[in-house]
Amino acid sequence: MTYTCPYQIVYYSPRYQKTATVPQGYPSDGATGGVDIWSEAWWVHDLLCDRGTWDDGTPCTNWQASRVIGDILRSEGRRWRAVGWRWATWVFGGGKCRANGMW
């Protein structure tokens, strides 16, 4: 892992009405296979894929994790990356979320 989260991130998904809490110090490799940029999207996506669940313990699917990365990037003003990285993470990523189902 290349990076450690500098502070706790509590992400609330308006789309799914669920939370994902990334603790301070959580490791991430950034944008796997892509250009690293500063964004909270990678921390939240990595946590969901590593764990496969939301904070309340319900399963997170690969599609949900990919939608979350897109939602966060869009909220940060990164419209094009939101679309591209949402699809790239859905096709190539997912971790434990993929085991919960693609959709």
PDB file of N, CA and C in Angstrom:
ATOM      1  N   MET A   1       0.833  -1.180   0.000  1.00  0.00           N
ATOM      2  CA  MET A   1       0.000   0.000   0.000  1.00  0.00           C
ATOM      3  C   MET A   1       0.884   1.253   0.000  1.00  0.00           C
ATOM      4  N   THR A   2       0.445   2.243  -0.710  1.00  0.00           N
ATOM      5  CA  THR A   2       1.232   3.454  -0.888  1.00  0.00           C
ATOM      6  C   THR A   2       0.830   4.585   0.049  1.00  0.00           C
ATOM      7  N   TYR A   3      -0.454   4.663   0.370  1.00  0.00           N
ATOM      8  CA  TYR A   3      -0.974   5.797   1.124  1.00  0.00           C
ATOM      9  C   TYR A   3      -1.653   5.347   2.412  1.00  0.00           C
ATOM     10  N   THR A   4      -1.706   6.259   3.385  1.00  0.00           N
ATOM     11  CA  THR A   4      -2.503   6.045   4.586  1.00  0.00           C
ATOM     12  C   THR A   4      -3.431   7.243   4.743  1.00  0.00           C
ATOM     13  N   CYS A   5      -4.659   6.970   5.106  1.00  0.00           N
ATOM     14  CA  CYS A   5      -5.675   8.018   5.228  1.00  0.00           C
ATOM     15  C   CYS A   5      -5.278   8.975   6.359  1.00  0.00           C
ATOM     16  N   PRO A   6      -5.178  10.275   6.060  1.00  0.00           N
ATOM     17  CA  PRO A   6      -4.703  11.223   7.070  1.00  0.00           C
ATOM     18  C   PRO A   6      -5.727  11.593   8.140  1.00  0.00           C
ATOM     19  N   TYR A   7      -6.999  11.261   7.911  1.00  0.00           N
ATOM     20  CA  TYR A   7      -8.053  11.586   8.874  1.00  0.00           C
ATOM     21  C   TYR A   7      -9.222  10.636   8.658  1.00  0.00           C
ATOM     22  N   GLN A   8     -10.097  10.538   9.641  1.00  0.00           N
ATOM     23  CA  GLN A   8     -11.270   9.681   9.505  1.00  0.00           C
ATOM     24  C   GLN A   8     -12.238  10.295   8.496  1.00  0.00           C
ATOM     25  N   ILE A   9     -12.766   9.456   7.621  1.00  0.00           N
ATOM     26  CA  ILE A   9     -13.780   9.879   6.650  1.00  0.00           C
ATOM     27  C   ILE A   9     -15.061   9.124   6.972  1.00  0.00           C
ATOM     28  N   VAL A  10     -16.127   9.851   7.207  1.00  0.00           N
ATOM     29  CA  VAL A  10     -17.439   9.239   7.376  1.00  0.00           C
ATOM     30  C   VAL A  10     -18.254   9.642   6.152  1.00  0.00           C
ATOM     31  N   TYR A  11     -18.425   8.703   5.250  1.00  0.00           N
ATOM     32  CA  TYR A  11     -19.161   8.984   4.020  1.00  0.00           C
ATOM     33  C   TYR A  11     -20.598   8.506   4.160  1.00  0.00           C
ATOM     34  N   TYR A  12     -21.532   9.399   3.872  1.00  0.00           N
ATOM     35  CA  TYR A  12     -22.950   9.041   3.834  1.00  0.00           C
ATOM     36  C   TYR A  12     -23.382   9.043   2.377  1.00  0.00           C
ATOM     37  N   SER A  13     -23.934   7.937   1.919  1.00  0.00           N
ATOM     38  CA  SER A  13     -24.412   7.834   0.547  1.00  0.00           C
ATOM     39  C   SER A  13     -25.888   8.213   0.493  1.00  0.00           C
ATOM     40  N   PRO A  14     -26.201   9.375  -0.103  1.00  0.00           N
ATOM     41  CA  PRO A  14     -27.607   9.732  -0.269  1.00  0.00           C
ATOM     42  C   PRO A  14     -28.339   8.734  -1.172  1.00  0.00           C
ATOM     43  N   ARG A  15     -27.612   8.166  -2.126  1.00  0.00           N
ATOM     44  CA  ARG A  15     -28.198   7.209  -3.067  1.00  0.00           C
ATOM     45  C   ARG A  15     -28.670   5.946  -2.340  1.00  0.00           C
ATOM     46  N   TYR A  16     -27.834   5.417  -1.448  1.00  0.00           N
ATOM     47  CA  TYR A  16     -28.137   4.152  -0.772  1.00  0.00           C
ATOM     48  C   TYR A  16     -28.552   4.324   0.691  1.00  0.00           C
ATOM     49  N   GLN A  17     -28.450   5.541   1.195  1.00  0.00           N
ATOM     50  CA  GLN A  17     -28.797   5.858   2.581  1.00  0.00           C
ATOM     51  C   GLN A  17     -28.045   4.964   3.564  1.00  0.00           C
ATOM     52  N   LYS A  18     -26.755   4.840   3.303  1.00  0.00           N
ATOM     53  CA  LYS A  18     -25.862   4.021   4.123  1.00  0.00           C
ATOM     54  C   LYS A  18     -24.586   4.815   4.373  1.00  0.00           C
ATOM     55  N   THR A  19     -23.818   4.385   5.376  1.00  0.00           N
ATOM     56  CA  THR A  19     -22.535   5.031   5.649  1.00  0.00           C
ATOM     57  C   THR A  19     -21.386   4.033   5.491  1.00  0.00           C
ATOM     58  N   ALA A  20     -20.222   4.608   5.229  1.00  0.00           N
ATOM     59  CA  ALA A  20     -18.969   3.858   5.194  1.00  0.00           C
ATOM     60  C   ALA A  20     -17.936   4.732   5.898  1.00  0.00           C
ATOM     61  N   THR A  21     -17.351   4.235   6.974  1.00  0.00           N
ATOM     62  CA  THR A  21     -16.408   5.007   7.772  1.00  0.00           C
ATOM     63  C   THR A  21     -14.993   4.484   7.557  1.00  0.00           C
ATOM     64  N   VAL A  22     -14.150   5.351   7.043  1.00  0.00           N
ATOM     65  CA  VAL A  22     -12.741   5.021   6.810  1.00  0.00           C
ATOM     66  C   VAL A  22     -11.949   5.553   7.995  1.00  0.00           C
ATOM     67  N   PRO A  23     -11.302   4.685   8.771  1.00  0.00           N
ATOM     68  CA  PRO A  23     -10.545   5.180   9.924  1.00  0.00           C
ATOM     69  C   PRO A  23      -9.250   5.870   9.513  1.00  0.00           C
ATOM     70  N   GLN A  24      -8.822   6.782  10.336  1.00  0.00           N
ATOM     71  CA  GLN A  24      -7.528   7.425  10.117  1.00  0.00           C
ATOM     72  C   GLN A  24      -6.457   6.339  10.073  1.00  0.00           C
ATOM     73  N   GLY A  25      -5.529   6.437   9.140  1.00  0.00           N
ATOM     74  CA  GLY A  25      -4.455   5.462   8.999  1.00  0.00           C
ATOM     75  C   GLY A  25      -4.770   4.297   8.088  1.00  0.00           C
ATOM     76  N   TYR A  26      -5.991   4.260   7.540  1.00  0.00           N
ATOM     77  CA  TYR A  26      -6.381   3.153   6.655  1.00  0.00           C
ATOM     78  C   TYR A  26      -5.500   3.158   5.405  1.00  0.00           C
ATOM     79  N   PRO A  27      -5.004   1.995   4.975  1.00  0.00           N
ATOM     80  CA  PRO A  27      -4.113   1.943   3.803  1.00  0.00           C
ATOM     81  C   PRO A  27      -4.881   1.899   2.480  1.00  0.00           C
ATOM     82  N   SER A  28      -4.279   2.472   1.452  1.00  0.00           N
ATOM     83  CA  SER A  28      -4.840   2.434   0.100  1.00  0.00           C
ATOM     84  C   SER A  28      -3.704   2.486  -0.904  1.00  0.00           C
ATOM     85  N   ASP A  29      -3.925   1.864  -2.053  1.00  0.00           N
ATOM     86  CA  ASP A  29      -2.939   1.970  -3.126  1.00  0.00           C
ATOM     87  C   ASP A  29      -3.316   3.084  -4.101  1.00  0.00           C
ATOM     88  N   GLY A  30      -4.334   3.864  -3.779  1.00  0.00           N
ATOM     89  CA  GLY A  30      -4.764   4.952  -4.663  1.00  0.00           C
ATOM     90  C   GLY A  30      -5.553   4.392  -5.830  1.00  0.00           C
ATOM     91  N   ALA A  31      -5.363   4.985  -6.977  1.00  0.00           N
ATOM     92  CA  ALA A  31      -6.085   4.588  -8.190  1.00  0.00           C
ATOM     93  C   ALA A  31      -5.369   3.397  -8.825  1.00  0.00           C
ATOM     94  N   THR A  32      -5.789   2.208  -8.485  1.00  0.00           N
ATOM     95  CA  THR A  32      -5.141   0.999  -8.998  1.00  0.00           C
ATOM     96  C   THR A  32      -5.133   1.027 -10.518  1.00  0.00           C
ATOM     97  N   GLY A  33      -3.960   1.060 -11.113  1.00  0.00           N
ATOM     98  CA  GLY A  33      -3.835   1.067 -12.568  1.00  0.00           C
ATOM     99  C   GLY A  33      -4.138   2.407 -13.213  1.00  0.00           C
ATOM    100  N   GLY A  34      -4.394   3.434 -12.423  1.00  0.00           N
ATOM    101  CA  GLY A  34      -4.721   4.751 -12.969  1.00  0.00           C
ATOM    102  C   GLY A  34      -3.834   5.823 -12.360  1.00  0.00           C
ATOM    103  N   VAL A  35      -4.123   7.061 -12.714  1.00  0.00           N
ATOM    104  CA  VAL A  35      -3.373   8.205 -12.205  1.00  0.00           C
ATOM    105  C   VAL A  35      -3.910   8.572 -10.828  1.00  0.00           C
ATOM    106  N   ASP A  36      -3.031   8.638  -9.845  1.00  0.00           N
ATOM    107  CA  ASP A  36      -3.450   9.003  -8.496  1.00  0.00           C
ATOM    108  C   ASP A  36      -3.736  10.498  -8.409  1.00  0.00           C
ATOM    109  N   ILE A  37      -4.870  10.816  -7.808  1.00  0.00           N
ATOM    110  CA  ILE A  37      -5.235  12.197  -7.511  1.00  0.00           C
ATOM    111  C   ILE A  37      -5.701  12.212  -6.063  1.00  0.00           C
ATOM    112  N   TRP A  38      -5.728  13.391  -5.437  1.00  0.00           N
ATOM    113  CA  TRP A  38      -6.268  13.444  -4.090  1.00  0.00           C
ATOM    114  C   TRP A  38      -7.783  13.423  -4.192  1.00  0.00           C
ATOM    115  N   SER A  39      -8.393  12.455  -3.553  1.00  0.00           N
ATOM    116  CA  SER A  39      -9.844  12.323  -3.523  1.00  0.00           C
ATOM    117  C   SER A  39     -10.221  11.404  -2.382  1.00  0.00           C
ATOM    118  N   GLU A  40     -11.330  11.711  -1.722  1.00  0.00           N
ATOM    119  CA  GLU A  40     -11.847  10.806  -0.697  1.00  0.00           C
ATOM    120  C   GLU A  40     -12.478   9.568  -1.326  1.00  0.00           C
ATOM    121  N   ALA A  41     -12.730   9.623  -2.624  1.00  0.00           N
ATOM    122  CA  ALA A  41     -13.390   8.517  -3.326  1.00  0.00           C
ATOM    123  C   ALA A  41     -12.608   7.218  -3.201  1.00  0.00           C
ATOM    124  N   TRP A  42     -11.291   7.266  -3.326  1.00  0.00           N
ATOM    125  CA  TRP A  42     -10.499   6.033  -3.278  1.00  0.00           C
ATOM    126  C   TRP A  42     -10.520   5.392  -1.907  1.00  0.00           C
ATOM    127  N   TRP A  43     -10.487   6.224  -0.875  1.00  0.00           N
ATOM    128  CA  TRP A  43     -10.511   5.664   0.479  1.00  0.00           C
ATOM    129  C   TRP A  43     -11.810   4.901   0.719  1.00  0.00           C
ATOM    130  N   VAL A  44     -12.931   5.546   0.367  1.00  0.00           N
ATOM    131  CA  VAL A  44     -14.232   4.928   0.619  1.00  0.00           C
ATOM    132  C   VAL A  44     -14.406   3.680  -0.242  1.00  0.00           C
ATOM    133  N   HIS A  45     -14.046   3.774  -1.508  1.00  0.00           N
ATOM    134  CA  HIS A  45     -14.174   2.622  -2.407  1.00  0.00           C
ATOM    135  C   HIS A  45     -13.305   1.460  -1.932  1.00  0.00           C
ATOM    136  N   ASP A  46     -12.065   1.742  -1.567  1.00  0.00           N
ATOM    137  CA  ASP A  46     -11.172   0.677  -1.089  1.00  0.00           C
ATOM    138  C   ASP A  46     -11.730   0.012   0.167  1.00  0.00           C
ATOM    139  N   LEU A  47     -12.236   0.822   1.100  1.00  0.00           N
ATOM    140  CA  LEU A  47     -12.813   0.256   2.319  1.00  0.00           C
ATOM    141  C   LEU A  47     -13.978  -0.661   1.984  1.00  0.00           C
ATOM    142  N   LEU A  48     -14.896  -0.202   1.144  1.00  0.00           N
ATOM    143  CA  LEU A  48     -16.052  -1.028   0.781  1.00  0.00           C
ATOM    144  C   LEU A  48     -15.607  -2.331   0.122  1.00  0.00           C
ATOM    145  N   CYS A  49     -14.644  -2.248  -0.779  1.00  0.00           N
ATOM    146  CA  CYS A  49     -14.184  -3.454  -1.489  1.00  0.00           C
ATOM    147  C   CYS A  49     -13.397  -4.394  -0.577  1.00  0.00           C
ATOM    148  N   ASP A  50     -12.644  -3.840   0.353  1.00  0.00           N
ATOM    149  CA  ASP A  50     -11.895  -4.676   1.302  1.00  0.00           C
ATOM    150  C   ASP A  50     -12.832  -5.396   2.259  1.00  0.00           C
ATOM    151  N   ARG A  51     -13.855  -4.699   2.685  1.00  0.00           N
ATOM    152  CA  ARG A  51     -14.769  -5.223   3.698  1.00  0.00           C
ATOM    153  C   ARG A  51     -15.977  -5.930   3.094  1.00  0.00           C
ATOM    154  N   GLY A  52     -16.509  -5.374   2.008  1.00  0.00           N
ATOM    155  CA  GLY A  52     -17.689  -5.955   1.364  1.00  0.00           C
ATOM    156  C   GLY A  52     -19.005  -5.592   2.021  1.00  0.00           C
ATOM    157  N   THR A  53     -18.948  -4.691   2.997  1.00  0.00           N
ATOM    158  CA  THR A  53     -20.166  -4.288   3.707  1.00  0.00           C
ATOM    159  C   THR A  53     -20.171  -2.787   3.981  1.00  0.00           C
ATOM    160  N   TRP A  54     -21.379  -2.290   4.212  1.00  0.00           N
ATOM    161  CA  TRP A  54     -21.567  -0.927   4.705  1.00  0.00           C
ATOM    162  C   TRP A  54     -21.326  -0.955   6.206  1.00  0.00           C
ATOM    163  N   ASP A  55     -21.337   0.210   6.840  1.00  0.00           N
ATOM    164  CA  ASP A  55     -21.111   0.272   8.286  1.00  0.00           C
ATOM    165  C   ASP A  55     -22.128  -0.548   9.077  1.00  0.00           C
ATOM    166  N   ASP A  56     -23.356  -0.643   8.572  1.00  0.00           N
ATOM    167  CA  ASP A  56     -24.395  -1.378   9.308  1.00  0.00           C
ATOM    168  C   ASP A  56     -24.321  -2.891   9.095  1.00  0.00           C
ATOM    169  N   GLY A  57     -23.316  -3.346   8.325  1.00  0.00           N
ATOM    170  CA  GLY A  57     -23.117  -4.777   8.117  1.00  0.00           C
ATOM    171  C   GLY A  57     -23.831  -5.354   6.910  1.00  0.00           C
ATOM    172  N   THR A  58     -24.660  -4.562   6.241  1.00  0.00           N
ATOM    173  CA  THR A  58     -25.337  -5.071   5.051  1.00  0.00           C
ATOM    174  C   THR A  58     -24.344  -5.176   3.899  1.00  0.00           C
ATOM    175  N   PRO A  59     -24.521  -6.185   3.037  1.00  0.00           N
ATOM    176  CA  PRO A  59     -23.599  -6.357   1.911  1.00  0.00           C
ATOM    177  C   PRO A  59     -23.628  -5.171   0.950  1.00  0.00           C
ATOM    178  N   CYS A  60     -22.468  -4.861   0.424  1.00  0.00           N
ATOM    179  CA  CYS A  60     -22.321  -3.833  -0.609  1.00  0.00           C
ATOM    180  C   CYS A  60     -21.952  -4.558  -1.898  1.00  0.00           C
ATOM    181  N   THR A  61     -22.707  -4.328  -2.970  1.00  0.00           N
ATOM    182  CA  THR A  61     -22.400  -4.983  -4.244  1.00  0.00           C
ATOM    183  C   THR A  61     -21.309  -4.219  -4.995  1.00  0.00           C
ATOM    184  N   ASN A  62     -20.772  -4.849  -5.994  1.00  0.00           N
ATOM    185  CA  ASN A  62     -19.758  -4.217  -6.828  1.00  0.00           C
ATOM    186  C   ASN A  62     -20.314  -2.949  -7.478  1.00  0.00           C
ATOM    187  N   TRP A  63     -21.553  -3.006  -7.967  1.00  0.00           N
ATOM    188  CA  TRP A  63     -22.171  -1.835  -8.601  1.00  0.00           C
ATOM    189  C   TRP A  63     -22.320  -0.688  -7.601  1.00  0.00           C
ATOM    190  N   GLN A  64     -22.738  -0.995  -6.375  1.00  0.00           N
ATOM    191  CA  GLN A  64     -22.885   0.056  -5.365  1.00  0.00           C
ATOM    192  C   GLN A  64     -21.549   0.726  -5.066  1.00  0.00           C
ATOM    193  N   ALA A  65     -20.496  -0.063  -4.895  1.00  0.00           N
ATOM    194  CA  ALA A  65     -19.176   0.505  -4.618  1.00  0.00           C
ATOM    195  C   ALA A  65     -18.705   1.377  -5.778  1.00  0.00           C
ATOM    196  N   SER A  66     -19.000   0.951  -6.994  1.00  0.00           N
ATOM    197  CA  SER A  66     -18.607   1.738  -8.164  1.00  0.00           C
ATOM    198  C   SER A  66     -19.448   2.999  -8.300  1.00  0.00           C
ATOM    199  N   ARG A  67     -20.707   2.924  -7.952  1.00  0.00           N
ATOM    200  CA  ARG A  67     -21.553   4.129  -7.966  1.00  0.00           C
ATOM    201  C   ARG A  67     -21.067   5.124  -6.917  1.00  0.00           C
ATOM    202  N   VAL A  68     -20.645   4.621  -5.767  1.00  0.00           N
ATOM    203  CA  VAL A  68     -20.148   5.490  -4.704  1.00  0.00           C
ATOM    204  C   VAL A  68     -18.909   6.249  -5.162  1.00  0.00           C
ATOM    205  N   ILE A  69     -17.964   5.552  -5.805  1.00  0.00           N
ATOM    206  CA  ILE A  69     -16.766   6.257  -6.263  1.00  0.00           C
ATOM    207  C   ILE A  69     -17.149   7.350  -7.265  1.00  0.00           C
ATOM    208  N   GLY A  70     -18.104   7.048  -8.127  1.00  0.00           N
ATOM    209  CA  GLY A  70     -18.570   8.054  -9.081  1.00  0.00           C
ATOM    210  C   GLY A  70     -19.289   9.206  -8.398  1.00  0.00           C
ATOM    211  N   ASP A  71     -20.110   8.906  -7.408  1.00  0.00           N
ATOM    212  CA  ASP A  71     -20.834   9.953  -6.686  1.00  0.00           C
ATOM    213  C   ASP A  71     -19.877  10.907  -5.971  1.00  0.00           C
ATOM    214  N   ILE A  72     -18.862  10.345  -5.326  1.00  0.00           N
ATOM    215  CA  ILE A  72     -17.902  11.196  -4.612  1.00  0.00           C
ATOM    216  C   ILE A  72     -17.111  12.049  -5.593  1.00  0.00           C
ATOM    217  N   LEU A  73     -16.608  11.439  -6.666  1.00  0.00           N
ATOM    218  CA  LEU A  73     -15.849  12.216  -7.657  1.00  0.00           C
ATOM    219  C   LEU A  73     -16.708  13.330  -8.260  1.00  0.00           C
ATOM    220  N   ARG A  74     -17.951  13.040  -8.564  1.00  0.00           N
ATOM    221  CA  ARG A  74     -18.855  14.064  -9.105  1.00  0.00           C
ATOM    222  C   ARG A  74     -19.042  15.198  -8.083  1.00  0.00           C
ATOM    223  N   SER A  75     -19.204  14.841  -6.797  1.00  0.00           N
ATOM    224  CA  SER A  75     -19.385  15.875  -5.768  1.00  0.00           C
ATOM    225  C   SER A  75     -18.135  16.738  -5.615  1.00  0.00           C
ATOM    226  N   GLU A  76     -16.983  16.191  -5.999  1.00  0.00           N
ATOM    227  CA  GLU A  76     -15.725  16.943  -5.951  1.00  0.00           C
ATOM    228  C   GLU A  76     -15.498  17.749  -7.229  1.00  0.00           C
ATOM    229  N   GLY A  77     -16.447  17.694  -8.164  1.00  0.00           N
ATOM    230  CA  GLY A  77     -16.324  18.454  -9.407  1.00  0.00           C
ATOM    231  C   GLY A  77     -15.550  17.736 -10.502  1.00  0.00           C
ATOM    232  N   ARG A  78     -15.357  16.441 -10.360  1.00  0.00           N
ATOM    233  CA  ARG A  78     -14.595  15.654 -11.340  1.00  0.00           C
ATOM    234  C   ARG A  78     -15.563  14.822 -12.182  1.00  0.00           C
ATOM    235  N   ARG A  79     -16.318  15.500 -13.011  1.00  0.00           N
ATOM    236  CA  ARG A  79     -17.410  14.879 -13.762  1.00  0.00           C
ATOM    237  C   ARG A  79     -16.946  13.749 -14.679  1.00  0.00           C
ATOM    238  N   TRP A  80     -15.917  13.973 -15.455  1.00  0.00           N
ATOM    239  CA  TRP A  80     -15.454  12.964 -16.412  1.00  0.00           C
ATOM    240  C   TRP A  80     -14.816  11.778 -15.713  1.00  0.00           C
ATOM    241  N   ARG A  81     -14.036  12.048 -14.691  1.00  0.00           N
ATOM    242  CA  ARG A  81     -13.447  10.931 -13.934  1.00  0.00           C
ATOM    243  C   ARG A  81     -14.526  10.126 -13.234  1.00  0.00           C
ATOM    244  N   ALA A  82     -15.575  10.807 -12.782  1.00  0.00           N
ATOM    245  CA  ALA A  82     -16.677  10.118 -12.109  1.00  0.00           C
ATOM    246  C   ALA A  82     -17.268   9.045 -13.009  1.00  0.00           C
ATOM    247  N   VAL A  83     -17.440   9.364 -14.277  1.00  0.00           N
ATOM    248  CA  VAL A  83     -18.015   8.409 -15.219  1.00  0.00           C
ATOM    249  C   VAL A  83     -17.006   7.307 -15.554  1.00  0.00           C
ATOM    250  N   GLY A  84     -15.816   7.694 -15.939  1.00  0.00           N
ATOM    251  CA  GLY A  84     -14.796   6.729 -16.355  1.00  0.00           C
ATOM    252  C   GLY A  84     -14.384   5.784 -15.242  1.00  0.00           C
ATOM    253  N   TRP A  85     -14.146   6.322 -14.072  1.00  0.00           N
ATOM    254  CA  TRP A  85     -13.671   5.492 -12.974  1.00  0.00           C
ATOM    255  C   TRP A  85     -14.784   4.649 -12.383  1.00  0.00           C
ATOM    256  N   ARG A  86     -16.023   5.125 -12.472  1.00  0.00           N
ATOM    257  CA  ARG A  86     -17.138   4.286 -12.019  1.00  0.00           C
ATOM    258  C   ARG A  86     -17.164   2.996 -12.835  1.00  0.00           C
ATOM    259  N   TRP A  87     -17.091   3.126 -14.142  1.00  0.00           N
ATOM    260  CA  TRP A  87     -17.129   1.938 -15.004  1.00  0.00           C
ATOM    261  C   TRP A  87     -15.872   1.087 -14.859  1.00  0.00           C
ATOM    262  N   ALA A  88     -14.708   1.731 -14.774  1.00  0.00           N
ATOM    263  CA  ALA A  88     -13.451   0.975 -14.650  1.00  0.00           C
ATOM    264  C   ALA A  88     -13.420   0.160 -13.356  1.00  0.00           C
ATOM    265  N   THR A  89     -13.879   0.752 -12.258  1.00  0.00           N
ATOM    266  CA  THR A  89     -13.872   0.002 -10.996  1.00  0.00           C
ATOM    267  C   THR A  89     -14.900  -1.114 -11.018  1.00  0.00           C
ATOM    268  N   TRP A  90     -16.005  -0.904 -11.719  1.00  0.00           N
ATOM    269  CA  TRP A  90     -17.018  -1.958 -11.806  1.00  0.00           C
ATOM    270  C   TRP A  90     -16.509  -3.148 -12.621  1.00  0.00           C
ATOM    271  N   VAL A  91     -15.840  -2.862 -13.733  1.00  0.00           N
ATOM    272  CA  VAL A  91     -15.352  -3.926 -14.617  1.00  0.00           C
ATOM    273  C   VAL A  91     -14.132  -4.640 -14.027  1.00  0.00           C
ATOM    274  N   PHE A  92     -13.193  -3.875 -13.469  1.00  0.00           N
ATOM    275  CA  PHE A  92     -11.913  -4.456 -13.062  1.00  0.00           C
ATOM    276  C   PHE A  92     -11.725  -4.630 -11.558  1.00  0.00           C
ATOM    277  N   GLY A  93     -12.581  -4.027 -10.747  1.00  0.00           N
ATOM    278  CA  GLY A  93     -12.374  -4.060  -9.299  1.00  0.00           C
ATOM    279  C   GLY A  93     -13.494  -4.763  -8.574  1.00  0.00           C
ATOM    280  N   GLY A  94     -13.621  -4.427  -7.322  1.00  0.00           N
ATOM    281  CA  GLY A  94     -14.753  -4.935  -6.547  1.00  0.00           C
ATOM    282  C   GLY A  94     -14.395  -5.684  -5.291  1.00  0.00           C
ATOM    283  N   GLY A  95     -13.300  -6.441  -5.313  1.00  0.00           N
ATOM    284  CA  GLY A  95     -12.917  -7.184  -4.117  1.00  0.00           C
ATOM    285  C   GLY A  95     -14.062  -8.003  -3.546  1.00  0.00           C
ATOM    286  N   LYS A  96     -14.295  -7.849  -2.253  1.00  0.00           N
ATOM    287  CA  LYS A  96     -15.364  -8.593  -1.589  1.00  0.00           C
ATOM    288  C   LYS A  96     -16.745  -8.133  -2.039  1.00  0.00           C
ATOM    289  N   CYS A  97     -16.853  -6.913  -2.559  1.00  0.00           N
ATOM    290  CA  CYS A  97     -18.144  -6.453  -3.088  1.00  0.00           C
ATOM    291  C   CYS A  97     -18.550  -7.276  -4.307  1.00  0.00           C
ATOM    292  N   ARG A  98     -17.589  -7.651  -5.101  1.00  0.00           N
ATOM    293  CA  ARG A  98     -17.866  -8.479  -6.293  1.00  0.00           C
ATOM    294  C   ARG A  98     -18.464  -9.828  -5.880  1.00  0.00           C
ATOM    295  N   ALA A  99     -17.963 -10.344  -4.755  1.00  0.00           N
ATOM    296  CA  ALA A  99     -18.499 -11.625  -4.263  1.00  0.00           C
ATOM    297  C   ALA A  99     -19.959 -11.485  -3.817  1.00  0.00           C
ATOM    298  N   ASN A 100     -20.385 -10.258  -3.499  1.00  0.00           N
ATOM    299  CA  ASN A 100     -21.779 -10.005  -3.117  1.00  0.00           C
ATOM    300  C   ASN A 100     -22.689  -9.839  -4.331  1.00  0.00           C
ATOM    301  N   GLY A 101     -22.110  -9.810  -5.496  1.00  0.00           N
ATOM    302  CA  GLY A 101     -22.876  -9.658  -6.721  1.00  0.00           C
ATOM    303  C   GLY A 101     -22.433  -8.447  -7.519  1.00  0.00           C
ATOM    304  N   MET A 102     -22.519  -8.564  -8.820  1.00  0.00           N
ATOM    305  CA  MET A 102     -22.137  -7.447  -9.680  1.00  0.00           C
ATOM    306  C   MET A 102     -23.138  -6.303  -9.563  1.00  0.00           C
ATOM    307  N   TRP A 103     -24.411  -6.650  -9.375  1.00  0.00           N
ATOM    308  CA  TRP A 103     -25.468  -5.643  -9.278  1.00  0.00           C
ATOM    309  C   TRP A 103     -25.991  -5.651  -7.883  1.00  0.00           C
TER     310      TRP A 103
END
